[in-house]
Amino acid sequence: MDDAFESGCGDDGTDGPCSICRGEELSPDFIAMLERAAAQPGRVMTAEETVEWLRSL
């Protein structure tokens, strides 16, 4: 990953780096859940809901 999130996540870079930014391996269960959600027609969550959900992990 480039240095776009070098100082952290979030719109202003003030959140700590997440597992994706740190380049950690994502669990197969997490990937499968994302694939199931992506396969559903229409929008499941708003962008704000998605951000809050990701922060809760």
PDB file of N, CA and C in Angstrom:
ATOM      1  N   MET A   1       0.857  -1.173   0.000  1.00  0.00           N
ATOM      2  CA  MET A   1       0.000   0.000   0.000  1.00  0.00           C
ATOM      3  C   MET A   1       0.898   1.229   0.000  1.00  0.00           C
ATOM      4  N   ASP A   2       0.478   2.245  -0.702  1.00  0.00           N
ATOM      5  CA  ASP A   2       1.295   3.451  -0.736  1.00  0.00           C
ATOM      6  C   ASP A   2       1.201   4.196   0.585  1.00  0.00           C
ATOM      7  N   ASP A   3       1.761   5.384   0.652  1.00  0.00           N
ATOM      8  CA  ASP A   3       1.804   6.119   1.912  1.00  0.00           C
ATOM      9  C   ASP A   3       0.558   6.954   2.187  1.00  0.00           C
ATOM     10  N   ALA A   4      -0.533   6.712   1.474  1.00  0.00           N
ATOM     11  CA  ALA A   4      -1.751   7.504   1.667  1.00  0.00           C
ATOM     12  C   ALA A   4      -2.258   7.425   3.100  1.00  0.00           C
ATOM     13  N   PHE A   5      -2.074   6.272   3.746  1.00  0.00           N
ATOM     14  CA  PHE A   5      -2.572   6.091   5.116  1.00  0.00           C
ATOM     15  C   PHE A   5      -1.424   5.865   6.092  1.00  0.00           C
ATOM     16  N   GLU A   6      -0.275   6.408   5.754  1.00  0.00           N
ATOM     17  CA  GLU A   6       0.913   6.188   6.572  1.00  0.00           C
ATOM     18  C   GLU A   6       0.707   6.597   8.023  1.00  0.00           C
ATOM     19  N   SER A   7       0.023   7.724   8.252  1.00  0.00           N
ATOM     20  CA  SER A   7      -0.148   8.216   9.616  1.00  0.00           C
ATOM     21  C   SER A   7      -1.388   7.655  10.295  1.00  0.00           C
ATOM     22  N   GLY A   8      -2.226   6.933   9.583  1.00  0.00           N
ATOM     23  CA  GLY A   8      -3.423   6.357  10.180  1.00  0.00           C
ATOM     24  C   GLY A   8      -4.589   6.372   9.220  1.00  0.00           C
ATOM     25  N   CYS A   9      -5.672   5.805   9.657  1.00  0.00           N
ATOM     26  CA  CYS A   9      -6.881   5.715   8.844  1.00  0.00           C
ATOM     27  C   CYS A   9      -7.769   6.930   9.109  1.00  0.00           C
ATOM     28  N   GLY A  10      -8.913   6.931   8.479  1.00  0.00           N
ATOM     29  CA  GLY A  10      -9.858   8.020   8.665  1.00  0.00           C
ATOM     30  C   GLY A  10      -9.639   9.113   7.646  1.00  0.00           C
ATOM     31  N   ASP A  11     -10.630   9.950   7.500  1.00  0.00           N
ATOM     32  CA  ASP A  11     -10.567  11.024   6.514  1.00  0.00           C
ATOM     33  C   ASP A  11      -9.402  11.976   6.747  1.00  0.00           C
ATOM     34  N   ASP A  12      -9.084  12.212   8.015  1.00  0.00           N
ATOM     35  CA  ASP A  12      -8.012  13.174   8.306  1.00  0.00           C
ATOM     36  C   ASP A  12      -6.741  12.501   8.810  1.00  0.00           C
ATOM     37  N   GLY A  13      -6.693  11.170   8.778  1.00  0.00           N
ATOM     38  CA  GLY A  13      -5.489  10.450   9.186  1.00  0.00           C
ATOM     39  C   GLY A  13      -5.236  10.415  10.674  1.00  0.00           C
ATOM     40  N   THR A  14      -6.245  10.745  11.477  1.00  0.00           N
ATOM     41  CA  THR A  14      -6.036  10.777  12.925  1.00  0.00           C
ATOM     42  C   THR A  14      -6.372   9.464  13.612  1.00  0.00           C
ATOM     43  N   ASP A  15      -7.079   8.565  12.934  1.00  0.00           N
ATOM     44  CA  ASP A  15      -7.360   7.254  13.517  1.00  0.00           C
ATOM     45  C   ASP A  15      -6.099   6.409  13.402  1.00  0.00           C
ATOM     46  N   GLY A  16      -5.938   5.471  14.304  1.00  0.00           N
ATOM     47  CA  GLY A  16      -4.791   4.572  14.216  1.00  0.00           C
ATOM     48  C   GLY A  16      -4.897   3.694  12.990  1.00  0.00           C
ATOM     49  N   PRO A  17      -3.778   3.171  12.507  1.00  0.00           N
ATOM     50  CA  PRO A  17      -3.820   2.306  11.332  1.00  0.00           C
ATOM     51  C   PRO A  17      -4.622   1.028  11.616  1.00  0.00           C
ATOM     52  N   CYS A  18      -5.431   0.627  10.655  1.00  0.00           N
ATOM     53  CA  CYS A  18      -6.234  -0.581  10.812  1.00  0.00           C
ATOM     54  C   CYS A  18      -5.460  -1.784  10.270  1.00  0.00           C
ATOM     55  N   SER A  19      -6.020  -2.961  10.416  1.00  0.00           N
ATOM     56  CA  SER A  19      -5.336  -4.176   9.962  1.00  0.00           C
ATOM     57  C   SER A  19      -5.096  -4.167   8.457  1.00  0.00           C
ATOM     58  N   ILE A  20      -5.982  -3.549   7.694  1.00  0.00           N
ATOM     59  CA  ILE A  20      -5.790  -3.457   6.250  1.00  0.00           C
ATOM     60  C   ILE A  20      -4.610  -2.546   5.952  1.00  0.00           C
ATOM     61  N   CYS A  21      -4.552  -1.393   6.602  1.00  0.00           N
ATOM     62  CA  CYS A  21      -3.442  -0.459   6.392  1.00  0.00           C
ATOM     63  C   CYS A  21      -2.110  -1.049   6.849  1.00  0.00           C
ATOM     64  N   ARG A  22      -2.147  -1.862   7.889  1.00  0.00           N
ATOM     65  CA  ARG A  22      -0.919  -2.490   8.373  1.00  0.00           C
ATOM     66  C   ARG A  22      -0.493  -3.645   7.472  1.00  0.00           C
ATOM     67  N   GLY A  23      -1.357  -4.017   6.521  1.00  0.00           N
ATOM     68  CA  GLY A  23      -1.020  -5.096   5.593  1.00  0.00           C
ATOM     69  C   GLY A  23      -1.179  -6.484   6.182  1.00  0.00           C
ATOM     70  N   GLU A  24      -1.959  -6.597   7.249  1.00  0.00           N
ATOM     71  CA  GLU A  24      -2.169  -7.891   7.889  1.00  0.00           C
ATOM     72  C   GLU A  24      -3.093  -8.759   7.036  1.00  0.00           C
ATOM     73  N   GLU A  25      -2.968 -10.043   7.206  1.00  0.00           N
ATOM     74  CA  GLU A  25      -3.820 -11.006   6.511  1.00  0.00           C
ATOM     75  C   GLU A  25      -5.245 -10.889   7.054  1.00  0.00           C
ATOM     76  N   LEU A  26      -6.227 -10.857   6.161  1.00  0.00           N
ATOM     77  CA  LEU A  26      -7.629 -10.807   6.579  1.00  0.00           C
ATOM     78  C   LEU A  26      -8.147 -12.226   6.720  1.00  0.00           C
ATOM     79  N   SER A  27      -8.997 -12.442   7.707  1.00  0.00           N
ATOM     80  CA  SER A  27      -9.498 -13.792   7.946  1.00  0.00           C
ATOM     81  C   SER A  27     -10.391 -14.240   6.794  1.00  0.00           C
ATOM     82  N   PRO A  28     -10.373 -15.530   6.484  1.00  0.00           N
ATOM     83  CA  PRO A  28     -11.242 -16.054   5.427  1.00  0.00           C
ATOM     84  C   PRO A  28     -12.721 -15.809   5.718  1.00  0.00           C
ATOM     85  N   ASP A  29     -13.106 -15.832   6.987  1.00  0.00           N
ATOM     86  CA  ASP A  29     -14.506 -15.575   7.353  1.00  0.00           C
ATOM     87  C   ASP A  29     -14.899 -14.140   7.015  1.00  0.00           C
ATOM     88  N   PHE A  30     -13.987 -13.194   7.263  1.00  0.00           N
ATOM     89  CA  PHE A  30     -14.242 -11.788   6.950  1.00  0.00           C
ATOM     90  C   PHE A  30     -14.390 -11.603   5.446  1.00  0.00           C
ATOM     91  N   ILE A  31     -13.502 -12.217   4.676  1.00  0.00           N
ATOM     92  CA  ILE A  31     -13.562 -12.131   3.216  1.00  0.00           C
ATOM     93  C   ILE A  31     -14.866 -12.738   2.704  1.00  0.00           C
ATOM     94  N   ALA A  32     -15.261 -13.892   3.244  1.00  0.00           N
ATOM     95  CA  ALA A  32     -16.501 -14.544   2.818  1.00  0.00           C
ATOM     96  C   ALA A  32     -17.712 -13.672   3.130  1.00  0.00           C
ATOM     97  N   MET A  33     -17.707 -13.012   4.292  1.00  0.00           N
ATOM     98  CA  MET A  33     -18.815 -12.136   4.660  1.00  0.00           C
ATOM     99  C   MET A  33     -18.899 -10.962   3.689  1.00  0.00           C
ATOM    100  N   LEU A  34     -17.753 -10.377   3.334  1.00  0.00           N
ATOM    101  CA  LEU A  34     -17.755  -9.274   2.377  1.00  0.00           C
ATOM    102  C   LEU A  34     -18.256  -9.726   1.008  1.00  0.00           C
ATOM    103  N   GLU A  35     -17.845 -10.913   0.591  1.00  0.00           N
ATOM    104  CA  GLU A  35     -18.289 -11.429  -0.706  1.00  0.00           C
ATOM    105  C   GLU A  35     -19.796 -11.673  -0.716  1.00  0.00           C
ATOM    106  N   ARG A  36     -20.347 -12.185   0.380  1.00  0.00           N
ATOM    107  CA  ARG A  36     -21.804 -12.391   0.459  1.00  0.00           C
ATOM    108  C   ARG A  36     -22.534 -11.061   0.400  1.00  0.00           C
ATOM    109  N   ALA A  37     -22.015 -10.070   1.123  1.00  0.00           N
ATOM    110  CA  ALA A  37     -22.655  -8.750   1.123  1.00  0.00           C
ATOM    111  C   ALA A  37     -22.573  -8.112  -0.259  1.00  0.00           C
ATOM    112  N   ALA A  38     -21.449  -8.279  -0.930  1.00  0.00           N
ATOM    113  CA  ALA A  38     -21.270  -7.686  -2.258  1.00  0.00           C
ATOM    114  C   ALA A  38     -22.174  -8.334  -3.295  1.00  0.00           C
ATOM    115  N   ALA A  39     -22.549  -9.580  -3.083  1.00  0.00           N
ATOM    116  CA  ALA A  39     -23.382 -10.298  -4.047  1.00  0.00           C
ATOM    117  C   ALA A  39     -24.856  -9.905  -3.949  1.00  0.00           C
ATOM    118  N   GLN A  40     -25.243  -9.216  -2.881  1.00  0.00           N
ATOM    119  CA  GLN A  40     -26.632  -8.814  -2.712  1.00  0.00           C
ATOM    120  C   GLN A  40     -26.946  -7.633  -3.633  1.00  0.00           C
ATOM    121  N   PRO A  41     -28.136  -7.653  -4.211  1.00  0.00           N
ATOM    122  CA  PRO A  41     -28.503  -6.516  -5.065  1.00  0.00           C
ATOM    123  C   PRO A  41     -28.813  -5.279  -4.222  1.00  0.00           C
ATOM    124  N   GLY A  42     -28.509  -4.122  -4.773  1.00  0.00           N
ATOM    125  CA  GLY A  42     -28.816  -2.865  -4.088  1.00  0.00           C
ATOM    126  C   GLY A  42     -27.842  -2.545  -2.978  1.00  0.00           C
ATOM    127  N   ARG A  43     -28.038  -1.404  -2.375  1.00  0.00           N
ATOM    128  CA  ARG A  43     -27.175  -0.948  -1.291  1.00  0.00           C
ATOM    129  C   ARG A  43     -27.652  -1.549   0.016  1.00  0.00           C
ATOM    130  N   VAL A  44     -26.742  -2.162   0.744  1.00  0.00           N
ATOM    131  CA  VAL A  44     -27.077  -2.775   2.026  1.00  0.00           C
ATOM    132  C   VAL A  44     -26.891  -1.767   3.159  1.00  0.00           C
ATOM    133  N   MET A  45     -25.819  -0.982   3.086  1.00  0.00           N
ATOM    134  CA  MET A  45     -25.517   0.027   4.101  1.00  0.00           C
ATOM    135  C   MET A  45     -25.119   1.319   3.409  1.00  0.00           C
ATOM    136  N   THR A  46     -25.337   2.403   4.108  1.00  0.00           N
ATOM    137  CA  THR A  46     -24.813   3.676   3.614  1.00  0.00           C
ATOM    138  C   THR A  46     -23.304   3.695   3.871  1.00  0.00           C
ATOM    139  N   ALA A  47     -22.618   4.643   3.297  1.00  0.00           N
ATOM    140  CA  ALA A  47     -21.172   4.768   3.521  1.00  0.00           C
ATOM    141  C   ALA A  47     -20.875   5.000   5.000  1.00  0.00           C
ATOM    142  N   GLU A  48     -21.674   5.833   5.643  1.00  0.00           N
ATOM    143  CA  GLU A  48     -21.460   6.112   7.061  1.00  0.00           C
ATOM    144  C   GLU A  48     -21.673   4.868   7.907  1.00  0.00           C
ATOM    145  N   GLU A  49     -22.700   4.081   7.588  1.00  0.00           N
ATOM    146  CA  GLU A  49     -22.943   2.837   8.316  1.00  0.00           C
ATOM    147  C   GLU A  49     -21.792   1.861   8.120  1.00  0.00           C
ATOM    148  N   THR A  50     -21.252   1.816   6.919  1.00  0.00           N
ATOM    149  CA  THR A  50     -20.134   0.919   6.631  1.00  0.00           C
ATOM    150  C   THR A  50     -18.911   1.315   7.440  1.00  0.00           C
ATOM    151  N   VAL A  51     -18.618   2.604   7.510  1.00  0.00           N
ATOM    152  CA  VAL A  51     -17.470   3.072   8.283  1.00  0.00           C
ATOM    153  C   VAL A  51     -17.642   2.715   9.761  1.00  0.00           C
ATOM    154  N   GLU A  52     -18.813   2.945  10.296  1.00  0.00           N
ATOM    155  CA  GLU A  52     -19.060   2.619  11.705  1.00  0.00           C
ATOM    156  C   GLU A  52     -18.941   1.115  11.934  1.00  0.00           C
ATOM    157  N   TRP A  53     -19.422   0.315  10.991  1.00  0.00           N
ATOM    158  CA  TRP A  53     -19.332  -1.132  11.117  1.00  0.00           C
ATOM    159  C   TRP A  53     -17.870  -1.567  11.101  1.00  0.00           C
ATOM    160  N   LEU A  54     -17.080  -1.025  10.178  1.00  0.00           N
ATOM    161  CA  LEU A  54     -15.662  -1.391  10.097  1.00  0.00           C
ATOM    162  C   LEU A  54     -14.925  -0.980  11.371  1.00  0.00           C
ATOM    163  N   ARG A  55     -15.254   0.151  11.926  1.00  0.00           N
ATOM    164  CA  ARG A  55     -14.606   0.592  13.180  1.00  0.00           C
ATOM    165  C   ARG A  55     -14.961  -0.310  14.358  1.00  0.00           C
ATOM    166  N   SER A  56     -16.099  -0.975  14.286  1.00  0.00           N
ATOM    167  CA  SER A  56     -16.530  -1.834  15.387  1.00  0.00           C
ATOM    168  C   SER A  56     -15.854  -3.209  15.380  1.00  0.00           C
ATOM    169  N   LEU A  57     -15.147  -3.531  14.303  1.00  0.00           N
ATOM    170  CA  LEU A  57     -14.506  -4.855  14.204  1.00  0.00           C
ATOM    171  C   LEU A  57     -13.291  -4.978  15.076  1.00  0.00           C
TER     172      LEU A  57
END
